Amino acid sequence: MRDMSALFRLLKKYLGLSQMRIGTAVGTVLSRAQEAGVVRQDLDQADLMQLVGGMCMARNATLEQNQRLLTFLLDGLKPQG
């Protein structure tokens, strides 16, 4: 049982590190896109992570549905007006 507990602690540690690195990268790309005027200014890194994360969890979606969802997501990120 101790081995499982140690395994879960390691898993939590490395998942946290991965999420932090991904979040930092997403924030950097988002900031650059906002500075270039190609992404809405009211979007933040946490919002984008939730949107993309939700799409990634759609395990039963077909390829066509995933492509539609991505199109909707990308269209919604464009600046208004």
C-alpha atoms as a PDB file:
ATOM      1  CA  MET A   1       0.000   0.000   0.000  1.00  0.00           C
ATOM      2  CA  ARG A   2       2.904   2.365   0.645  1.00  0.00           C
ATOM      3  CA  ASP A   3       4.092   1.884  -2.913  1.00  0.00           C
ATOM      4  CA  MET A   4       0.719   2.999  -4.280  1.00  0.00           C
ATOM      5  CA  SER A   5       0.705   6.027  -2.018  1.00  0.00           C
ATOM      6  CA  ALA A   6       4.196   6.988  -3.179  1.00  0.00           C
ATOM      7  CA  LEU A   7       3.151   6.473  -6.784  1.00  0.00           C
ATOM      8  CA  PHE A   8       0.147   8.778  -6.390  1.00  0.00           C
ATOM      9  CA  ARG A   9       2.325  11.463  -4.769  1.00  0.00           C
ATOM     10  CA  LEU A  10       4.786  11.300  -7.671  1.00  0.00           C
ATOM     11  CA  LEU A  11       1.983  11.361 -10.213  1.00  0.00           C
ATOM     12  CA  LYS A  12       0.433  14.425  -8.571  1.00  0.00           C
ATOM     13  CA  LYS A  13       3.814  16.176  -8.472  1.00  0.00           C
ATOM     14  CA  TYR A  14       4.617  15.568 -12.141  1.00  0.00           C
ATOM     15  CA  LEU A  15       1.108  16.310 -13.360  1.00  0.00           C
ATOM     16  CA  GLY A  16       1.264  19.605 -11.505  1.00  0.00           C
ATOM     17  CA  LEU A  17       4.601  20.455 -13.095  1.00  0.00           C
ATOM     18  CA  SER A  18       3.262  19.582 -16.554  1.00  0.00           C
ATOM     19  CA  GLN A  19       0.149  21.686 -16.046  1.00  0.00           C
ATOM     20  CA  MET A  20       2.264  24.611 -14.882  1.00  0.00           C
ATOM     21  CA  ARG A  21       4.539  24.378 -17.928  1.00  0.00           C
ATOM     22  CA  ILE A  22       1.606  24.081 -20.320  1.00  0.00           C
ATOM     23  CA  GLY A  23      -0.152  26.993 -18.616  1.00  0.00           C
ATOM     24  CA  THR A  24       2.945  29.172 -18.919  1.00  0.00           C
ATOM     25  CA  ALA A  25       3.328  28.327 -22.614  1.00  0.00           C
ATOM     26  CA  VAL A  26      -0.361  28.982 -23.298  1.00  0.00           C
ATOM     27  CA  GLY A  27      -0.119  32.321 -21.495  1.00  0.00           C
ATOM     28  CA  THR A  28       2.897  33.335 -23.570  1.00  0.00           C
ATOM     29  CA  VAL A  29       1.271  32.429 -26.887  1.00  0.00           C
ATOM     30  CA  LEU A  30      -1.995  34.094 -25.863  1.00  0.00           C
ATOM     31  CA  SER A  31      -0.242  37.323 -24.868  1.00  0.00           C
ATOM     32  CA  ARG A  32       1.589  37.477 -28.181  1.00  0.00           C
ATOM     33  CA  ALA A  33      -1.612  36.819 -30.105  1.00  0.00           C
ATOM     34  CA  GLN A  34      -3.408  39.566 -28.160  1.00  0.00           C
ATOM     35  CA  GLU A  35      -0.548  41.999 -28.784  1.00  0.00           C
ATOM     36  CA  ALA A  36      -0.787  41.188 -32.502  1.00  0.00           C
ATOM     37  CA  GLY A  37      -4.523  41.910 -32.390  1.00  0.00           C
ATOM     38  CA  VAL A  38      -5.619  38.475 -33.587  1.00  0.00           C
ATOM     39  CA  VAL A  39      -7.204  37.277 -30.335  1.00  0.00           C
ATOM     40  CA  ARG A  40      -9.772  38.932 -28.089  1.00  0.00           C
ATOM     41  CA  GLN A  41      -8.363  41.041 -25.270  1.00  0.00           C
ATOM     42  CA  ASP A  42     -10.894  39.771 -22.704  1.00  0.00           C
ATOM     43  CA  LEU A  43      -9.660  36.161 -22.944  1.00  0.00           C
ATOM     44  CA  ASP A  44      -7.228  34.987 -20.295  1.00  0.00           C
ATOM     45  CA  GLN A  45      -4.994  31.952 -19.938  1.00  0.00           C
ATOM     46  CA  ALA A  46      -7.358  30.182 -17.521  1.00  0.00           C
ATOM     47  CA  ASP A  47     -10.304  30.641 -19.916  1.00  0.00           C
ATOM     48  CA  LEU A  48      -8.344  29.234 -22.831  1.00  0.00           C
ATOM     49  CA  MET A  49      -7.127  26.260 -20.801  1.00  0.00           C
ATOM     50  CA  GLN A  50     -10.725  25.433 -19.820  1.00  0.00           C
ATOM     51  CA  LEU A  51     -11.966  25.716 -23.406  1.00  0.00           C
ATOM     52  CA  VAL A  52      -9.241  23.539 -24.876  1.00  0.00           C
ATOM     53  CA  GLY A  53      -9.309  21.122 -21.936  1.00  0.00           C
ATOM     54  CA  GLY A  54     -13.011  20.554 -22.450  1.00  0.00           C
ATOM     55  CA  MET A  55     -12.438  19.697 -26.092  1.00  0.00           C
ATOM     56  CA  CYS A  56      -9.653  17.302 -25.164  1.00  0.00           C
ATOM     57  CA  MET A  57     -11.984  15.441 -22.813  1.00  0.00           C
ATOM     58  CA  ALA A  58     -14.594  14.822 -25.542  1.00  0.00           C
ATOM     59  CA  ARG A  59     -13.616  11.193 -26.014  1.00  0.00           C
ATOM     60  CA  ASN A  60     -16.711  10.156 -27.936  1.00  0.00           C
ATOM     61  CA  ALA A  61     -16.513  12.938 -30.499  1.00  0.00           C
ATOM     62  CA  THR A  62     -15.906  12.063 -34.124  1.00  0.00           C
ATOM     63  CA  LEU A  63     -13.114  13.665 -36.137  1.00  0.00           C
ATOM     64  CA  GLU A  64     -15.678  15.814 -37.949  1.00  0.00           C
ATOM     65  CA  GLN A  65     -17.218  16.985 -34.673  1.00  0.00           C
ATOM     66  CA  ASN A  66     -13.790  17.828 -33.248  1.00  0.00           C
ATOM     67  CA  GLN A  67     -13.003  19.853 -36.379  1.00  0.00           C
ATOM     68  CA  ARG A  68     -16.302  21.764 -36.028  1.00  0.00           C
ATOM     69  CA  LEU A  69     -15.656  22.421 -32.340  1.00  0.00           C
ATOM     70  CA  LEU A  70     -12.183  23.725 -33.111  1.00  0.00           C
ATOM     71  CA  THR A  71     -13.609  26.022 -35.806  1.00  0.00           C
ATOM     72  CA  PHE A  72     -16.179  27.392 -33.350  1.00  0.00           C
ATOM     73  CA  LEU A  73     -13.498  27.893 -30.722  1.00  0.00           C
ATOM     74  CA  LEU A  74     -11.106  29.671 -33.082  1.00  0.00           C
ATOM     75  CA  ASP A  75     -13.894  31.872 -34.511  1.00  0.00           C
ATOM     76  CA  GLY A  76     -14.927  32.834 -30.996  1.00  0.00           C
ATOM     77  CA  LEU A  77     -11.396  33.910 -30.078  1.00  0.00           C
ATOM     78  CA  LYS A  78     -11.201  36.497 -32.858  1.00  0.00           C
ATOM     79  CA  PRO A  79     -11.511  40.147 -31.820  1.00  0.00           C
ATOM     80  CA  GLN A  80     -15.026  41.584 -32.011  1.00  0.00           C
ATOM     81  CA  GLY A  81     -15.890  44.211 -34.605  1.00  0.00           C
END
